[in-house]
């Protein structure tokens, strides 16, 4: 139902910044009613929850990225963002966005590669 397209990934040096965007379309309901999250998966590792933002705007983030990453949303643009600062090589992963409807239905984006060089 919900189509999610991530963008903004790329190759950066350690200490650099990137902003990921996730554009939602094909929504059955107003975007403001969906919770949204960012996940990442590094090579050889499982999927890790990075940050979440609720329909109310409340946010949570993983301890590994606290103080460096910030999730936000612009409901007028149907977009979720992940601002990533002070990037570390261990942040290298494919980053995925996801939405969860008020009925609990989850949709996933295709992922965008973030590579941080040392």
N, C-alpha and C. Protein backbone atom coordinates (compact mmCIF):
# COMPACT_ATOMS: atom_id res chain seq x y z
N UNK A 1 0.82 -1.19 0.00
CA UNK A 1 0.00 0.00 0.00
C UNK A 1 0.86 1.26 0.00
N UNK A 2 1.67 1.42 1.04
CA UNK A 2 2.53 2.59 1.15
C UNK A 2 3.84 2.31 0.41
N UNK A 3 4.19 3.21 -0.48
CA UNK A 3 5.46 3.14 -1.17
C UNK A 3 6.43 4.11 -0.51
N UNK A 4 7.61 3.62 -0.18
CA UNK A 4 8.62 4.43 0.49
C UNK A 4 9.89 4.42 -0.34
N UNK A 5 10.43 5.59 -0.59
CA UNK A 5 11.65 5.72 -1.37
C UNK A 5 12.67 6.51 -0.57
N UNK A 6 13.76 5.85 -0.22
CA UNK A 6 14.84 6.51 0.51
C UNK A 6 15.81 7.17 -0.46
N UNK A 7 16.42 8.23 -0.01
CA UNK A 7 17.45 8.90 -0.78
C UNK A 7 18.41 9.59 0.18
N UNK A 8 19.54 10.01 -0.34
CA UNK A 8 20.50 10.76 0.45
C UNK A 8 21.70 9.98 0.92
N UNK A 9 21.72 8.68 0.67
CA UNK A 9 22.87 7.90 1.06
C UNK A 9 24.07 8.20 0.18
N UNK A 10 25.21 7.70 0.61
CA UNK A 10 26.42 7.93 -0.16
C UNK A 10 27.65 7.59 0.64
N UNK A 11 28.79 8.02 0.14
CA UNK A 11 30.08 7.79 0.77
C UNK A 11 30.57 9.07 1.41
N UNK A 12 30.88 8.99 2.70
CA UNK A 12 31.40 10.14 3.42
C UNK A 12 32.57 9.71 4.29
N UNK A 13 33.39 10.67 4.65
CA UNK A 13 34.48 10.41 5.57
C UNK A 13 33.99 10.44 7.01
N UNK A 14 34.69 9.73 7.87
CA UNK A 14 34.36 9.77 9.29
C UNK A 14 34.31 11.21 9.78
N UNK A 15 33.30 11.50 10.59
CA UNK A 15 33.09 12.84 11.07
C UNK A 15 32.17 13.67 10.22
N UNK A 16 31.84 13.18 9.05
CA UNK A 16 30.98 13.90 8.14
C UNK A 16 29.51 13.71 8.46
N UNK A 17 28.67 14.29 7.61
CA UNK A 17 27.23 14.26 7.82
C UNK A 17 26.50 13.86 6.54
N UNK A 18 25.35 13.27 6.73
CA UNK A 18 24.42 12.97 5.65
C UNK A 18 23.01 13.17 6.17
N UNK A 19 22.11 13.52 5.27
CA UNK A 19 20.70 13.56 5.60
C UNK A 19 19.95 12.61 4.68
N UNK A 20 19.33 11.62 5.27
CA UNK A 20 18.52 10.68 4.52
C UNK A 20 17.08 11.16 4.48
N UNK A 21 16.43 10.92 3.37
CA UNK A 21 15.03 11.27 3.20
C UNK A 21 14.25 10.03 2.82
N UNK A 22 13.03 9.98 3.25
CA UNK A 22 12.13 8.88 2.91
C UNK A 22 10.80 9.48 2.50
N UNK A 23 10.48 9.38 1.23
CA UNK A 23 9.25 9.95 0.69
C UNK A 23 8.19 8.86 0.60
N UNK A 24 7.05 9.12 1.18
CA UNK A 24 5.95 8.17 1.18
C UNK A 24 4.89 8.56 0.16
N UNK A 25 4.35 7.56 -0.50
CA UNK A 25 3.26 7.77 -1.44
C UNK A 25 2.33 6.56 -1.39
N UNK A 26 1.23 6.65 -2.09
CA UNK A 26 0.27 5.57 -2.08
C UNK A 26 -0.38 5.36 -0.72
N UNK A 27 -0.51 6.42 0.01
CA UNK A 27 -1.03 6.33 1.37
C UNK A 27 -2.54 6.12 1.37
N UNK A 28 -2.98 5.25 2.27
CA UNK A 28 -4.41 5.05 2.44
C UNK A 28 -5.00 6.08 3.40
N UNK A 29 -4.17 6.62 4.25
CA UNK A 29 -4.59 7.61 5.23
C UNK A 29 -3.60 8.76 5.22
N UNK A 30 -3.92 9.80 5.93
CA UNK A 30 -3.02 10.94 6.03
C UNK A 30 -1.68 10.50 6.61
N UNK A 31 -0.60 11.01 6.05
CA UNK A 31 0.74 10.63 6.50
C UNK A 31 0.93 10.90 7.98
N UNK A 32 0.26 11.91 8.48
CA UNK A 32 0.41 12.29 9.88
C UNK A 32 -0.10 11.22 10.84
N UNK A 33 -0.84 10.25 10.34
CA UNK A 33 -1.36 9.19 11.19
C UNK A 33 -0.43 7.98 11.28
N UNK A 34 0.66 7.99 10.54
CA UNK A 34 1.61 6.88 10.53
C UNK A 34 2.79 7.13 11.46
N UNK A 35 3.18 6.11 12.19
CA UNK A 35 4.47 6.13 12.85
C UNK A 35 5.53 5.82 11.81
N UNK A 36 6.75 6.26 12.05
CA UNK A 36 7.83 6.03 11.09
C UNK A 36 9.12 5.69 11.81
N UNK A 37 9.95 4.92 11.13
CA UNK A 37 11.20 4.46 11.73
C UNK A 37 12.29 4.39 10.68
N UNK A 38 13.52 4.43 11.16
CA UNK A 38 14.69 4.10 10.36
C UNK A 38 15.36 2.88 10.95
N UNK A 39 15.72 1.95 10.09
CA UNK A 39 16.47 0.76 10.45
C UNK A 39 17.75 0.73 9.62
N UNK A 40 18.69 -0.06 10.06
CA UNK A 40 19.89 -0.26 9.26
C UNK A 40 20.36 -1.70 9.38
N UNK A 41 21.06 -2.14 8.36
CA UNK A 41 21.63 -3.47 8.36
C UNK A 41 23.03 -3.41 7.79
N UNK A 42 24.00 -3.70 8.64
CA UNK A 42 25.39 -3.74 8.22
C UNK A 42 25.71 -5.12 7.67
N UNK A 43 26.75 -5.22 6.85
CA UNK A 43 27.11 -6.52 6.29
C UNK A 43 27.33 -7.57 7.38
N UNK A 44 26.69 -8.71 7.23
CA UNK A 44 26.86 -9.80 8.17
C UNK A 44 26.14 -9.63 9.49
N UNK A 45 25.35 -8.58 9.62
CA UNK A 45 24.65 -8.32 10.86
C UNK A 45 23.15 -8.27 10.63
N UNK A 46 22.41 -8.36 11.71
CA UNK A 46 20.97 -8.29 11.63
C UNK A 46 20.47 -6.86 11.52
N UNK A 47 19.20 -6.74 11.25
CA UNK A 47 18.58 -5.44 11.14
C UNK A 47 18.49 -4.78 12.50
N UNK A 48 18.85 -3.52 12.56
CA UNK A 48 18.88 -2.77 13.81
C UNK A 48 17.98 -1.56 13.70
N UNK A 49 17.16 -1.36 14.71
CA UNK A 49 16.35 -0.15 14.78
C UNK A 49 17.23 1.02 15.17
N UNK A 50 17.15 2.09 14.41
CA UNK A 50 18.00 3.26 14.61
C UNK A 50 17.25 4.39 15.31
N UNK A 51 16.08 4.72 14.81
CA UNK A 51 15.31 5.82 15.36
C UNK A 51 13.86 5.67 14.98
N UNK A 52 12.99 6.20 15.81
CA UNK A 52 11.56 6.13 15.58
C UNK A 52 10.93 7.49 15.87
N UNK A 53 9.89 7.79 15.14
CA UNK A 53 9.11 8.99 15.40
C UNK A 53 7.64 8.64 15.30
N UNK A 54 6.90 9.02 16.31
CA UNK A 54 5.49 8.69 16.36
C UNK A 54 4.66 9.71 15.60
N UNK A 55 3.40 9.40 15.46
CA UNK A 55 2.49 10.33 14.80
C UNK A 55 2.40 11.65 15.54
N UNK A 56 2.66 11.63 16.83
CA UNK A 56 2.63 12.84 17.64
C UNK A 56 3.93 13.63 17.57
N UNK A 57 4.97 13.03 16.99
CA UNK A 57 6.26 13.69 16.91
C UNK A 57 7.25 13.26 17.96
N UNK A 58 6.85 12.39 18.87
CA UNK A 58 7.77 11.88 19.87
C UNK A 58 8.82 11.01 19.21
N UNK A 59 10.06 11.09 19.68
CA UNK A 59 11.16 10.37 19.06
C UNK A 59 11.90 9.49 20.05
N UNK A 60 12.49 8.44 19.52
CA UNK A 60 13.40 7.57 20.25
C UNK A 60 14.54 7.22 19.30
N UNK A 61 15.68 6.93 19.86
CA UNK A 61 16.81 6.52 19.04
C UNK A 61 17.64 5.50 19.78
N UNK A 62 18.40 4.74 19.01
CA UNK A 62 19.28 3.74 19.60
C UNK A 62 20.43 4.41 20.33
N UNK A 63 20.90 3.75 21.38
CA UNK A 63 22.01 4.30 22.15
C UNK A 63 23.23 4.58 21.28
N UNK A 64 23.43 3.75 20.26
CA UNK A 64 24.60 3.88 19.42
C UNK A 64 24.61 5.16 18.59
N UNK A 65 23.46 5.80 18.44
CA UNK A 65 23.40 7.00 17.61
C UNK A 65 22.91 8.22 18.36
N UNK A 66 22.61 8.07 19.64
CA UNK A 66 22.13 9.21 20.42
C UNK A 66 23.13 10.35 20.40
N UNK A 67 22.61 11.54 20.19
CA UNK A 67 23.46 12.72 20.13
C UNK A 67 24.08 12.96 18.78
N UNK A 68 23.96 11.99 17.87
CA UNK A 68 24.53 12.14 16.54
C UNK A 68 23.47 12.13 15.44
N UNK A 69 22.46 11.31 15.60
CA UNK A 69 21.40 11.20 14.61
C UNK A 69 20.12 11.83 15.14
N UNK A 70 19.32 12.37 14.26
CA UNK A 70 18.03 12.93 14.64
C UNK A 70 16.99 12.59 13.58
N UNK A 71 15.90 12.02 14.01
CA UNK A 71 14.80 11.72 13.11
C UNK A 71 13.78 12.85 13.18
N UNK A 72 13.20 13.17 12.06
CA UNK A 72 12.18 14.21 12.01
C UNK A 72 11.21 13.88 10.89
N UNK A 73 10.14 14.63 10.82
CA UNK A 73 9.17 14.39 9.76
C UNK A 73 8.55 15.70 9.32
N UNK A 74 8.15 15.74 8.08
CA UNK A 74 7.42 16.87 7.52
C UNK A 74 6.16 16.29 6.90
N UNK A 75 5.08 16.41 7.62
CA UNK A 75 3.83 15.80 7.16
C UNK A 75 3.27 16.48 5.92
N UNK A 76 3.64 17.73 5.68
CA UNK A 76 3.18 18.41 4.48
C UNK A 76 3.86 17.87 3.23
N UNK A 77 5.01 17.21 3.41
CA UNK A 77 5.76 16.63 2.30
C UNK A 77 5.75 15.11 2.30
N UNK A 78 5.03 14.51 3.22
CA UNK A 78 4.98 13.05 3.36
C UNK A 78 6.38 12.46 3.44
N UNK A 79 7.23 13.11 4.21
CA UNK A 79 8.64 12.74 4.24
C UNK A 79 9.14 12.59 5.67
N UNK A 80 9.97 11.57 5.86
CA UNK A 80 10.70 11.35 7.10
C UNK A 80 12.18 11.55 6.81
N UNK A 81 12.88 12.17 7.73
CA UNK A 81 14.29 12.45 7.56
C UNK A 81 15.11 11.77 8.66
N UNK A 82 16.35 11.51 8.34
CA UNK A 82 17.32 11.09 9.34
C UNK A 82 18.58 11.91 9.13
N UNK A 83 18.80 12.87 10.00
CA UNK A 83 20.01 13.68 9.96
C UNK A 83 21.10 12.93 10.71
N UNK A 84 22.19 12.65 10.03
CA UNK A 84 23.28 11.88 10.60
C UNK A 84 24.53 12.75 10.64
N UNK A 85 25.00 13.02 11.83
CA UNK A 85 26.19 13.82 12.04
C UNK A 85 27.26 12.98 12.72
N UNK A 86 28.48 13.47 12.69
CA UNK A 86 29.60 12.80 13.34
C UNK A 86 29.64 11.32 12.98
N UNK A 87 29.53 11.04 11.72
CA UNK A 87 29.44 9.66 11.26
C UNK A 87 30.72 8.88 11.55
N UNK A 88 30.52 7.63 11.88
CA UNK A 88 31.60 6.71 12.20
C UNK A 88 31.60 5.56 11.22
N UNK A 89 32.74 4.91 11.02
CA UNK A 89 32.76 3.75 10.13
C UNK A 89 31.75 2.68 10.51
N UNK A 90 31.48 2.51 11.78
CA UNK A 90 30.51 1.52 12.21
C UNK A 90 29.07 1.87 11.86
N UNK A 91 28.85 3.08 11.36
CA UNK A 91 27.53 3.46 10.87
C UNK A 91 27.28 2.94 9.45
N UNK A 92 28.30 2.39 8.83
CA UNK A 92 28.16 1.87 7.47
C UNK A 92 27.11 0.77 7.44
N UNK A 93 26.12 0.94 6.60
CA UNK A 93 25.02 -0.01 6.52
C UNK A 93 24.08 0.42 5.41
N UNK A 94 23.15 -0.46 5.09
CA UNK A 94 22.01 -0.07 4.28
C UNK A 94 20.93 0.42 5.23
N UNK A 95 20.44 1.61 4.98
CA UNK A 95 19.44 2.22 5.83
C UNK A 95 18.07 2.12 5.18
N UNK A 96 17.10 1.66 5.94
CA UNK A 96 15.74 1.47 5.48
C UNK A 96 14.78 2.31 6.30
N UNK A 97 13.80 2.88 5.64
CA UNK A 97 12.73 3.52 6.39
C UNK A 97 11.51 2.62 6.39
N UNK A 98 10.67 2.81 7.36
CA UNK A 98 9.47 2.02 7.49
C UNK A 98 8.37 2.88 8.09
N UNK A 99 7.15 2.57 7.71
CA UNK A 99 5.99 3.21 8.32
C UNK A 99 5.08 2.15 8.89
N UNK A 100 4.36 2.53 9.91
CA UNK A 100 3.38 1.65 10.53
C UNK A 100 2.07 2.40 10.63
N UNK A 101 1.03 1.82 10.07
CA UNK A 101 -0.27 2.46 10.10
C UNK A 101 -0.93 2.27 11.46
N UNK A 102 -2.04 2.95 11.64
CA UNK A 102 -2.77 2.80 12.89
C UNK A 102 -3.35 1.41 13.05
N UNK A 103 -3.37 0.62 11.96
CA UNK A 103 -3.82 -0.75 12.02
C UNK A 103 -2.66 -1.73 12.21
N UNK A 104 -1.45 -1.22 12.30
CA UNK A 104 -0.29 -2.06 12.51
C UNK A 104 0.36 -2.57 11.25
N UNK A 105 -0.07 -2.13 10.09
CA UNK A 105 0.52 -2.56 8.83
C UNK A 105 1.83 -1.83 8.58
N UNK A 106 2.88 -2.58 8.33
CA UNK A 106 4.20 -1.99 8.12
C UNK A 106 4.60 -2.04 6.66
N UNK A 107 5.17 -0.94 6.19
CA UNK A 107 5.72 -0.85 4.85
C UNK A 107 7.19 -0.51 4.93
N UNK A 108 7.97 -0.99 3.95
CA UNK A 108 9.41 -0.79 3.93
C UNK A 108 9.86 -0.13 2.64
N UNK A 109 10.89 0.67 2.75
CA UNK A 109 11.54 1.21 1.58
C UNK A 109 12.56 0.25 1.03
N UNK A 110 13.18 0.63 -0.07
CA UNK A 110 14.15 -0.25 -0.74
C UNK A 110 15.54 -0.17 -0.13
N UNK A 111 15.79 0.83 0.67
CA UNK A 111 17.07 1.00 1.32
C UNK A 111 18.00 1.92 0.56
N UNK A 112 18.88 2.56 1.29
CA UNK A 112 19.91 3.40 0.69
C UNK A 112 21.23 3.14 1.42
N UNK A 113 22.30 3.02 0.65
CA UNK A 113 23.60 2.66 1.21
C UNK A 113 24.28 3.87 1.81
N UNK A 114 24.75 3.72 3.02
CA UNK A 114 25.60 4.71 3.68
C UNK A 114 26.94 4.06 3.98
N UNK A 115 27.99 4.64 3.45
CA UNK A 115 29.33 4.12 3.68
C UNK A 115 30.19 5.22 4.28
N UNK A 116 30.79 4.94 5.41
CA UNK A 116 31.63 5.90 6.12
C UNK A 116 33.05 5.38 6.13
N UNK A 117 33.94 6.12 5.53
CA UNK A 117 35.33 5.72 5.45
C UNK A 117 36.12 6.28 6.62
N UNK A 118 37.16 5.57 7.02
CA UNK A 118 37.98 5.99 8.14
C UNK A 118 39.10 6.91 7.71
